[in-house]
Amino acid sequence: MTGLVRKASILVALGLVLSAAVAVAGIPDAAHCTLPNVNGTGYYFVDLVGQAAGVADPAGQFTIFIGDFAGNPVPGCNVAICTNCADIKFAQTQVYAGVTTGCGAPSCVTAVTNASGIATFRVVGAATNNGGTAGCSGAGGDVYACNYPIGQVVLTAFDENGAIGSPGVSVTDLSAWLGDKALPQPAQYRARSDFAHAGPTVGVQVTSLSRWLVVKGLAGSVNGNAPYCP
């Protein structure tokens, strides 16, 4: 009888373990998710872009992989990037297929993972930079998968002043970027201008200007997409 009880206990324990494994399958695990554009100090980056003729600039394309606790892909999962920076604004209407905006508190852009657990984004947005004005000094974006927090990203915006009346990447954005670069770095780091992805511990570098010039020259962000979230 004792042997039967012992076997029954083992089977119950195994059943509980299997039930627990099933319970966590399909639930995102931050350790098995991959965020975009990591730099050497562990920061991740998302570049907001403009659009041209209704096409979101390819320069801003990135992917996020969502895995569960076993590392298996989680398909059909809503992935949201939500801004906690007052100077970063998402376009209320996104022009890249599968990406949508919710102008709540906070504002978020969302895409859904495919069968491989990958969500693909191009985010149209802009900043409110008048040239060195107040702005986020660190990771200004929180990332959620299936409503679970999985990490943070630094949000940059090639269209530095598009949310305050000059949408699209143009020479006026260069003046705004120079205002940020002129601030003491990294003490007064402005995330919106860090196109080189150097990070808050390094600061905005001149190499960011090179990347901005490339984006401007290719003209994929020549237009914004107003209105933007408040």
Protein backbone atom coordinates (compact mmCIF):
# COMPACT_ATOMS: atom_id res chain seq x y z
CA MET A 1 0.00 0.00 0.00
CA THR A 2 2.84 2.31 0.89
CA GLY A 3 4.39 1.74 -2.54
CA LEU A 4 1.14 2.62 -4.25
CA VAL A 5 0.83 5.80 -2.22
CA ARG A 6 4.41 6.73 -3.06
CA LYS A 7 3.80 6.15 -6.78
CA ALA A 8 0.60 8.15 -6.64
CA SER A 9 2.43 11.02 -4.96
CA ILE A 10 5.12 10.97 -7.64
CA LEU A 11 2.50 11.01 -10.39
CA VAL A 12 0.70 13.93 -8.74
CA ALA A 13 3.99 15.83 -8.44
CA LEU A 14 4.81 15.15 -12.09
CA GLY A 15 1.35 16.32 -13.04
CA LEU A 16 1.86 19.56 -11.16
CA VAL A 17 5.20 20.14 -12.87
CA LEU A 18 3.69 19.48 -16.30
CA SER A 19 0.76 21.76 -15.50
CA ALA A 20 3.17 24.51 -14.49
CA ALA A 21 5.14 24.05 -17.71
CA VAL A 22 1.97 24.31 -19.77
CA ALA A 23 0.92 27.36 -17.77
CA VAL A 24 4.06 29.32 -18.68
CA ALA A 25 4.16 28.19 -22.31
CA GLY A 26 3.25 31.11 -24.51
CA ILE A 27 3.86 33.70 -21.78
CA PRO A 28 6.61 36.17 -22.74
CA ASP A 29 9.83 35.98 -20.77
CA ALA A 30 12.06 39.06 -20.94
CA ALA A 31 15.18 36.86 -20.84
CA HIS A 32 14.08 35.19 -24.08
CA CYS A 33 12.97 38.34 -25.90
CA THR A 34 15.20 40.36 -28.23
CA LEU A 35 14.99 44.17 -28.39
CA PRO A 36 16.52 46.23 -31.23
CA ASN A 37 19.80 48.07 -31.75
CA VAL A 38 21.67 47.18 -28.57
CA ASN A 39 24.86 49.13 -27.85
CA GLY A 40 27.90 48.14 -25.84
CA THR A 41 26.44 49.40 -22.57
CA GLY A 42 23.24 47.40 -22.82
CA TYR A 43 20.87 50.11 -24.04
CA TYR A 44 18.38 49.39 -26.82
CA PHE A 45 17.26 51.96 -29.38
CA VAL A 46 14.24 52.77 -31.52
CA ASP A 47 14.56 55.48 -34.20
CA LEU A 48 11.40 57.39 -35.09
CA VAL A 49 11.21 58.33 -38.75
CA GLY A 50 9.05 60.23 -41.22
CA GLN A 51 7.48 59.09 -44.46
CA ALA A 52 7.50 59.80 -48.17
CA ALA A 53 4.46 59.32 -50.42
CA GLY A 54 2.76 57.32 -47.70
CA VAL A 55 5.67 54.94 -47.14
CA ALA A 56 7.35 54.87 -43.73
CA ASP A 57 11.10 55.37 -44.00
CA PRO A 58 12.94 52.00 -44.17
CA ALA A 59 15.73 53.60 -42.10
CA GLY A 60 13.53 53.12 -39.06
CA GLN A 61 12.72 49.44 -39.52
CA PHE A 62 13.44 47.09 -36.61
CA THR A 63 12.16 43.83 -35.18
CA ILE A 64 11.40 42.54 -31.71
CA PHE A 65 11.43 38.80 -30.97
CA ILE A 66 9.13 37.49 -28.26
CA GLY A 67 9.97 34.16 -26.65
CA ASP A 68 8.42 32.28 -23.74
CA PHE A 69 10.20 30.77 -20.75
CA ALA A 70 11.50 27.91 -22.89
CA GLY A 71 12.66 30.26 -25.62
CA ASN A 72 9.87 29.23 -27.97
CA PRO A 73 8.36 31.97 -30.14
CA VAL A 74 5.09 33.53 -28.99
CA PRO A 75 2.91 34.18 -32.05
CA GLY A 76 -0.08 36.52 -32.13
CA CYS A 77 1.26 38.61 -29.27
CA ASN A 78 0.66 42.37 -29.14
CA VAL A 79 3.99 44.17 -28.73
CA ALA A 80 3.68 47.75 -27.54
CA ILE A 81 6.30 50.49 -27.25
CA CYS A 82 5.03 53.19 -24.90
CA THR A 83 6.73 56.54 -24.45
CA ASN A 84 7.31 58.15 -21.07
CA CYS A 85 9.08 61.14 -22.69
CA ALA A 86 7.11 64.37 -23.04
CA ASP A 87 9.28 65.45 -26.00
CA ILE A 88 8.64 62.33 -28.11
CA LYS A 89 5.41 62.13 -30.11
CA PHE A 90 4.04 59.26 -32.19
CA ALA A 91 2.03 60.04 -35.33
CA GLN A 92 -1.62 59.35 -34.59
CA THR A 93 -1.86 57.42 -37.86
CA GLN A 94 0.95 55.05 -38.74
CA VAL A 95 1.64 54.24 -42.39
CA TYR A 96 3.53 50.96 -41.99
CA ALA A 97 1.29 47.90 -42.31
CA GLY A 98 0.52 46.29 -38.98
CA VAL A 99 1.67 49.19 -36.79
CA THR A 100 -0.95 51.23 -34.95
CA THR A 101 -0.91 54.10 -32.48
CA GLY A 102 -2.87 54.54 -29.28
CA CYS A 103 -2.70 58.12 -27.99
CA GLY A 104 -3.40 57.33 -24.38
CA ALA A 105 -1.49 57.96 -21.21
CA PRO A 106 1.08 56.81 -22.13
CA SER A 107 1.03 56.87 -25.93
CA CYS A 108 1.96 53.55 -27.51
CA VAL A 109 2.67 52.03 -30.91
CA THR A 110 1.75 48.38 -31.36
CA ALA A 111 2.45 45.50 -33.73
CA VAL A 112 1.60 41.79 -33.55
CA THR A 113 4.12 38.95 -33.65
CA ASN A 114 4.05 36.55 -36.58
CA ALA A 115 4.32 32.75 -36.43
CA SER A 116 8.04 33.11 -35.63
CA GLY A 117 7.38 35.40 -32.68
CA ILE A 118 8.67 38.47 -34.52
CA ALA A 119 6.99 41.88 -34.59
CA THR A 120 8.23 44.28 -37.28
CA PHE A 121 8.01 48.05 -36.86
CA ARG A 122 8.61 51.30 -38.66
CA VAL A 123 7.42 54.06 -36.34
CA VAL A 124 6.52 57.48 -37.69
CA GLY A 125 7.00 60.15 -35.07
CA ALA A 126 8.79 63.34 -34.14
CA ALA A 127 10.24 65.33 -31.27
CA THR A 128 9.57 68.80 -29.86
CA ASN A 129 13.16 70.03 -29.93
CA ASN A 130 13.66 73.78 -30.35
CA GLY A 131 17.42 73.40 -29.95
CA GLY A 132 18.67 71.99 -26.67
CA THR A 133 15.31 72.26 -24.94
CA ALA A 134 14.30 69.86 -22.19
CA GLY A 135 14.08 66.24 -23.23
CA CYS A 136 14.48 62.66 -22.06
CA SER A 137 17.88 61.84 -20.62
CA GLY A 138 17.54 58.07 -20.71
CA ALA A 139 15.40 55.17 -21.87
CA GLY A 140 12.13 56.85 -22.73
CA GLY A 141 10.25 53.84 -24.04
CA ASP A 142 8.75 50.91 -22.15
CA VAL A 143 8.19 47.70 -24.10
CA TYR A 144 5.35 45.28 -23.37
CA ALA A 145 4.51 41.91 -24.91
CA CYS A 146 1.04 40.47 -24.31
CA ASN A 147 0.81 43.15 -21.59
CA TYR A 148 3.93 41.84 -19.81
CA PRO A 149 6.84 44.31 -19.40
CA ILE A 150 9.93 43.02 -21.22
CA GLY A 151 12.34 45.98 -21.24
CA GLN A 152 13.06 49.56 -22.18
CA VAL A 153 14.35 51.38 -25.25
CA VAL A 154 15.90 54.77 -25.94
CA LEU A 155 13.72 56.74 -28.38
CA THR A 156 15.36 58.97 -31.00
CA ALA A 157 13.64 61.14 -33.64
CA PHE A 158 15.25 62.19 -36.92
CA ASP A 159 12.44 64.73 -37.23
CA GLU A 160 13.66 66.80 -34.28
CA ASN A 161 10.97 69.50 -34.41
CA GLY A 162 8.18 67.90 -36.43
CA ALA A 163 5.79 67.79 -33.50
CA ILE A 164 5.92 71.58 -33.09
CA GLY A 165 5.16 72.76 -36.59
CA SER A 166 7.89 71.59 -39.00
CA PRO A 167 7.06 67.97 -39.93
CA GLY A 168 9.54 66.02 -42.01
CA VAL A 169 13.32 65.79 -41.86
CA SER A 170 14.72 69.11 -43.09
CA VAL A 171 17.51 71.60 -42.44
CA THR A 172 15.60 73.01 -39.47
CA ASP A 173 16.17 69.69 -37.69
CA LEU A 174 19.91 70.18 -38.05
CA SER A 175 19.72 73.39 -36.04
CA ALA A 176 17.72 71.58 -33.37
CA TRP A 177 20.23 68.71 -33.26
CA LEU A 178 23.14 71.16 -32.92
CA GLY A 179 21.42 72.62 -29.88
CA ASP A 180 21.43 69.20 -28.23
CA LYS A 181 25.02 68.45 -29.24
CA ALA A 182 26.20 71.75 -27.78
CA LEU A 183 25.04 70.73 -24.31
CA PRO A 184 27.62 69.18 -21.95
CA GLN A 185 27.80 65.45 -22.71
CA PRO A 186 26.81 63.10 -21.18
CA ALA A 187 25.56 65.25 -18.28
CA GLN A 188 22.83 66.83 -20.41
CA TYR A 189 22.21 63.93 -22.75
CA ARG A 190 19.15 64.26 -24.99
CA ALA A 191 18.06 60.81 -26.14
CA ARG A 192 16.11 62.13 -29.14
CA SER A 193 19.36 63.18 -30.86
CA ASP A 194 21.42 60.02 -30.29
CA PHE A 195 21.24 58.55 -33.80
CA ALA A 196 24.63 56.86 -33.32
CA HIS A 197 23.18 54.91 -30.38
CA ALA A 198 26.01 55.85 -28.04
CA GLY A 199 23.78 55.84 -24.96
CA PRO A 200 23.28 57.99 -21.86
CA THR A 201 26.65 57.11 -20.37
CA VAL A 202 28.48 58.44 -23.45
CA GLY A 203 26.25 61.19 -24.78
CA VAL A 204 25.33 62.55 -28.19
CA GLN A 205 28.32 62.14 -30.52
CA VAL A 206 29.19 63.82 -33.82
CA THR A 207 28.67 60.46 -35.54
CA SER A 208 24.95 61.00 -34.94
CA LEU A 209 25.13 63.86 -37.43
CA SER A 210 26.52 61.51 -40.08
CA ARG A 211 23.55 59.18 -39.70
CA TRP A 212 21.08 62.08 -39.74
CA LEU A 213 22.63 63.34 -42.99
CA VAL A 214 22.23 59.90 -44.58
CA VAL A 215 18.55 59.76 -43.61
CA LYS A 216 17.95 63.27 -44.91
CA GLY A 217 19.80 62.55 -48.15
CA LEU A 218 17.80 59.41 -48.91
CA ALA A 219 14.59 61.47 -48.51
CA GLY A 220 12.59 58.63 -46.98
CA SER A 221 11.55 60.92 -44.12
CA VAL A 222 10.93 64.05 -46.15
CA ASN A 223 7.38 64.27 -44.76
CA GLY A 224 5.96 63.88 -41.30
CA ASN A 225 2.48 62.54 -40.63
CA ALA A 226 0.65 65.04 -38.46
CA PRO A 227 -1.29 65.08 -36.24
CA TYR A 228 0.83 63.64 -33.46
CA CYS A 229 -0.25 62.33 -30.08
CA PRO A 230 -0.57 65.08 -27.46
